[in-house]
Amino acid sequence: MRETIKIEELAKIIGVSSSRLSHLFKENTGFSIIETLNRMRLEQAALLLQHTNRTALEVSFDVGFLNYNHFAKLFHSRFGVNPSKLRNELRSLAKPLHFNRRQILFL
């Protein structure tokens, strides 16, 4: 995900102009190529935040964002919270429930 993807290069590979590729992509998916790449990067970032100890800044670079503020703005727009808050919420949901012997007897 860190690699820069150029629409012009994709278009050349499949033999169409970049504007035609962009039009066809949006027509078939409902999203632009850039919107799709950013959504994929943000979803990967959410997984990295949940399952690693990397900082939000490190994660933003890991998934291909060169500007943390831009990443944080898109992240908040996509998930409704900042990266750190999402990490805390996801991790709290993933914690296993622990019961003591007395609690188990009354279940």
C-alpha atoms as a PDB file:
ATOM      1  CA  MET A   1       0.000   0.000   0.000  1.00  0.00           C
ATOM      2  CA  ARG A   2       2.962   2.270   0.459  1.00  0.00           C
ATOM      3  CA  GLU A   3       3.672   2.320  -3.269  1.00  0.00           C
ATOM      4  CA  THR A   4       2.454   5.281  -5.280  1.00  0.00           C
ATOM      5  CA  ILE A   5      -0.073   4.174  -7.863  1.00  0.00           C
ATOM      6  CA  LYS A   6      -0.363   6.338 -10.941  1.00  0.00           C
ATOM      7  CA  ILE A   7      -3.585   6.316 -12.911  1.00  0.00           C
ATOM      8  CA  GLU A   8      -1.612   7.049 -16.060  1.00  0.00           C
ATOM      9  CA  GLU A   9       0.425   3.858 -15.598  1.00  0.00           C
ATOM     10  CA  LEU A  10      -2.685   1.753 -14.992  1.00  0.00           C
ATOM     11  CA  ALA A  11      -4.355   3.227 -18.059  1.00  0.00           C
ATOM     12  CA  LYS A  12      -1.311   2.492 -20.207  1.00  0.00           C
ATOM     13  CA  ILE A  13      -1.223  -1.138 -19.024  1.00  0.00           C
ATOM     14  CA  ILE A  14      -4.835  -1.744 -20.050  1.00  0.00           C
ATOM     15  CA  GLY A  15      -4.630   0.388 -23.172  1.00  0.00           C
ATOM     16  CA  VAL A  16      -6.978   3.300 -22.478  1.00  0.00           C
ATOM     17  CA  SER A  17      -6.517   6.953 -21.620  1.00  0.00           C
ATOM     18  CA  SER A  18      -6.350   7.917 -17.949  1.00  0.00           C
ATOM     19  CA  SER A  19      -9.566   9.926 -18.243  1.00  0.00           C
ATOM     20  CA  ARG A  20     -11.363   6.942 -19.835  1.00  0.00           C
ATOM     21  CA  LEU A  21     -10.075   4.615 -17.114  1.00  0.00           C
ATOM     22  CA  SER A  22     -11.229   7.023 -14.405  1.00  0.00           C
ATOM     23  CA  HIS A  23     -14.651   7.342 -16.019  1.00  0.00           C
ATOM     24  CA  LEU A  24     -15.108   3.570 -16.439  1.00  0.00           C
ATOM     25  CA  PHE A  25     -13.943   2.874 -12.910  1.00  0.00           C
ATOM     26  CA  LYS A  26     -16.352   5.352 -11.343  1.00  0.00           C
ATOM     27  CA  GLU A  27     -19.197   4.213 -13.605  1.00  0.00           C
ATOM     28  CA  ASN A  28     -18.729   0.613 -12.442  1.00  0.00           C
ATOM     29  CA  THR A  29     -17.927   1.135  -8.773  1.00  0.00           C
ATOM     30  CA  GLY A  30     -19.548   4.421  -7.848  1.00  0.00           C
ATOM     31  CA  PHE A  31     -16.211   5.686  -6.526  1.00  0.00           C
ATOM     32  CA  SER A  32     -13.187   7.306  -8.111  1.00  0.00           C
ATOM     33  CA  ILE A  33      -9.898   5.404  -8.225  1.00  0.00           C
ATOM     34  CA  ILE A  34      -8.401   7.742  -5.622  1.00  0.00           C
ATOM     35  CA  GLU A  35     -11.422   7.367  -3.322  1.00  0.00           C
ATOM     36  CA  THR A  36     -11.109   3.594  -3.587  1.00  0.00           C
ATOM     37  CA  LEU A  37      -7.381   3.588  -2.865  1.00  0.00           C
ATOM     38  CA  ASN A  38      -7.872   5.895   0.110  1.00  0.00           C
ATOM     39  CA  ARG A  39     -10.684   3.697   1.489  1.00  0.00           C
ATOM     40  CA  MET A  40      -8.448   0.635   1.174  1.00  0.00           C
ATOM     41  CA  ARG A  41      -5.600   2.465   2.889  1.00  0.00           C
ATOM     42  CA  LEU A  42      -7.864   3.663   5.707  1.00  0.00           C
ATOM     43  CA  GLU A  43      -9.258   0.170   6.295  1.00  0.00           C
ATOM     44  CA  GLN A  44      -5.733  -1.229   6.406  1.00  0.00           C
ATOM     45  CA  ALA A  45      -4.774   1.554   8.816  1.00  0.00           C
ATOM     46  CA  ALA A  46      -7.658   0.642  11.127  1.00  0.00           C
ATOM     47  CA  LEU A  47      -6.460  -2.972  11.189  1.00  0.00           C
ATOM     48  CA  LEU A  48      -2.886  -1.923  11.916  1.00  0.00           C
ATOM     49  CA  LEU A  49      -4.045   0.355  14.717  1.00  0.00           C
ATOM     50  CA  GLN A  50      -6.044  -2.465  16.258  1.00  0.00           C
ATOM     51  CA  HIS A  51      -3.447  -5.204  15.951  1.00  0.00           C
ATOM     52  CA  THR A  52      -0.072  -3.474  16.301  1.00  0.00           C
ATOM     53  CA  ASN A  53       1.548  -1.034  18.673  1.00  0.00           C
ATOM     54  CA  ARG A  54       2.582   1.331  15.896  1.00  0.00           C
ATOM     55  CA  THR A  55       1.650   4.967  16.357  1.00  0.00           C
ATOM     56  CA  ALA A  56      -1.016   6.583  14.203  1.00  0.00           C
ATOM     57  CA  LEU A  57       1.740   8.566  12.479  1.00  0.00           C
ATOM     58  CA  GLU A  58       3.680   5.387  11.659  1.00  0.00           C
ATOM     59  CA  VAL A  59       0.530   3.665  10.440  1.00  0.00           C
ATOM     60  CA  SER A  60      -0.356   6.600   8.211  1.00  0.00           C
ATOM     61  CA  PHE A  61       3.018   6.307   6.474  1.00  0.00           C
ATOM     62  CA  ASP A  62       2.822   2.488   6.397  1.00  0.00           C
ATOM     63  CA  VAL A  63      -0.366   2.605   4.340  1.00  0.00           C
ATOM     64  CA  GLY A  64       0.890   5.219   1.919  1.00  0.00           C
ATOM     65  CA  PHE A  65      -0.129   8.628   3.222  1.00  0.00           C
ATOM     66  CA  LEU A  66       2.642  11.198   3.000  1.00  0.00           C
ATOM     67  CA  ASN A  67       0.856  13.790   5.133  1.00  0.00           C
ATOM     68  CA  TYR A  68      -0.426  12.829   8.594  1.00  0.00           C
ATOM     69  CA  ASN A  69      -2.948  15.686   8.772  1.00  0.00           C
ATOM     70  CA  HIS A  70      -4.500  14.582   5.482  1.00  0.00           C
ATOM     71  CA  PHE A  71      -4.633  10.990   6.778  1.00  0.00           C
ATOM     72  CA  ALA A  72      -6.229  12.051  10.070  1.00  0.00           C
ATOM     73  CA  LYS A  73      -8.849  14.149   8.271  1.00  0.00           C
ATOM     74  CA  LEU A  74      -9.795  11.307   5.898  1.00  0.00           C
ATOM     75  CA  PHE A  75      -9.713   8.805   8.779  1.00  0.00           C
ATOM     76  CA  HIS A  76     -12.111  10.886  10.849  1.00  0.00           C
ATOM     77  CA  SER A  77     -14.344  11.373   7.840  1.00  0.00           C
ATOM     78  CA  ARG A  78     -14.448   7.602   7.173  1.00  0.00           C
ATOM     79  CA  PHE A  79     -14.790   6.288  10.738  1.00  0.00           C
ATOM     80  CA  GLY A  80     -16.192   9.258  12.660  1.00  0.00           C
ATOM     81  CA  VAL A  81     -13.350   9.240  15.205  1.00  0.00           C
ATOM     82  CA  ASN A  82      -9.644  10.005  15.221  1.00  0.00           C
ATOM     83  CA  PRO A  83      -7.175   7.109  14.800  1.00  0.00           C
ATOM     84  CA  SER A  84      -6.276   6.848  18.494  1.00  0.00           C
ATOM     85  CA  LYS A  85      -9.901   6.745  19.616  1.00  0.00           C
ATOM     86  CA  LEU A  86     -10.738   4.037  17.081  1.00  0.00           C
ATOM     87  CA  ARG A  87      -7.755   2.005  18.314  1.00  0.00           C
ATOM     88  CA  ASN A  88      -8.986   2.228  21.899  1.00  0.00           C
ATOM     89  CA  GLU A  89     -12.571   1.353  20.947  1.00  0.00           C
ATOM     90  CA  LEU A  90     -11.564  -1.650  18.824  1.00  0.00           C
ATOM     91  CA  ARG A  91      -9.183  -2.962  21.437  1.00  0.00           C
ATOM     92  CA  SER A  92     -11.755  -2.668  24.208  1.00  0.00           C
ATOM     93  CA  LEU A  93     -14.225  -4.697  22.116  1.00  0.00           C
ATOM     94  CA  ALA A  94     -11.634  -7.399  21.475  1.00  0.00           C
ATOM     95  CA  LYS A  95     -10.809  -8.040  25.131  1.00  0.00           C
ATOM     96  CA  PRO A  96     -11.947 -11.466  26.315  1.00  0.00           C
ATOM     97  CA  LEU A  97     -14.425 -11.634  29.146  1.00  0.00           C
ATOM     98  CA  HIS A  98     -13.018 -12.930  32.422  1.00  0.00           C
ATOM     99  CA  PHE A  99     -15.252 -14.542  34.996  1.00  0.00           C
ATOM    100  CA  ASN A 100     -14.339 -15.719  38.449  1.00  0.00           C
ATOM    101  CA  ARG A 101     -15.623 -19.051  39.802  1.00  0.00           C
ATOM    102  CA  ARG A 102     -18.535 -17.432  41.677  1.00  0.00           C
ATOM    103  CA  GLN A 103     -19.766 -15.612  38.542  1.00  0.00           C
ATOM    104  CA  ILE A 104     -19.690 -18.831  36.521  1.00  0.00           C
ATOM    105  CA  LEU A 105     -21.848 -20.643  39.092  1.00  0.00           C
ATOM    106  CA  PHE A 106     -24.613 -18.073  38.653  1.00  0.00           C
ATOM    107  CA  LEU A 107     -24.663 -17.946  34.832  1.00  0.00           C
END
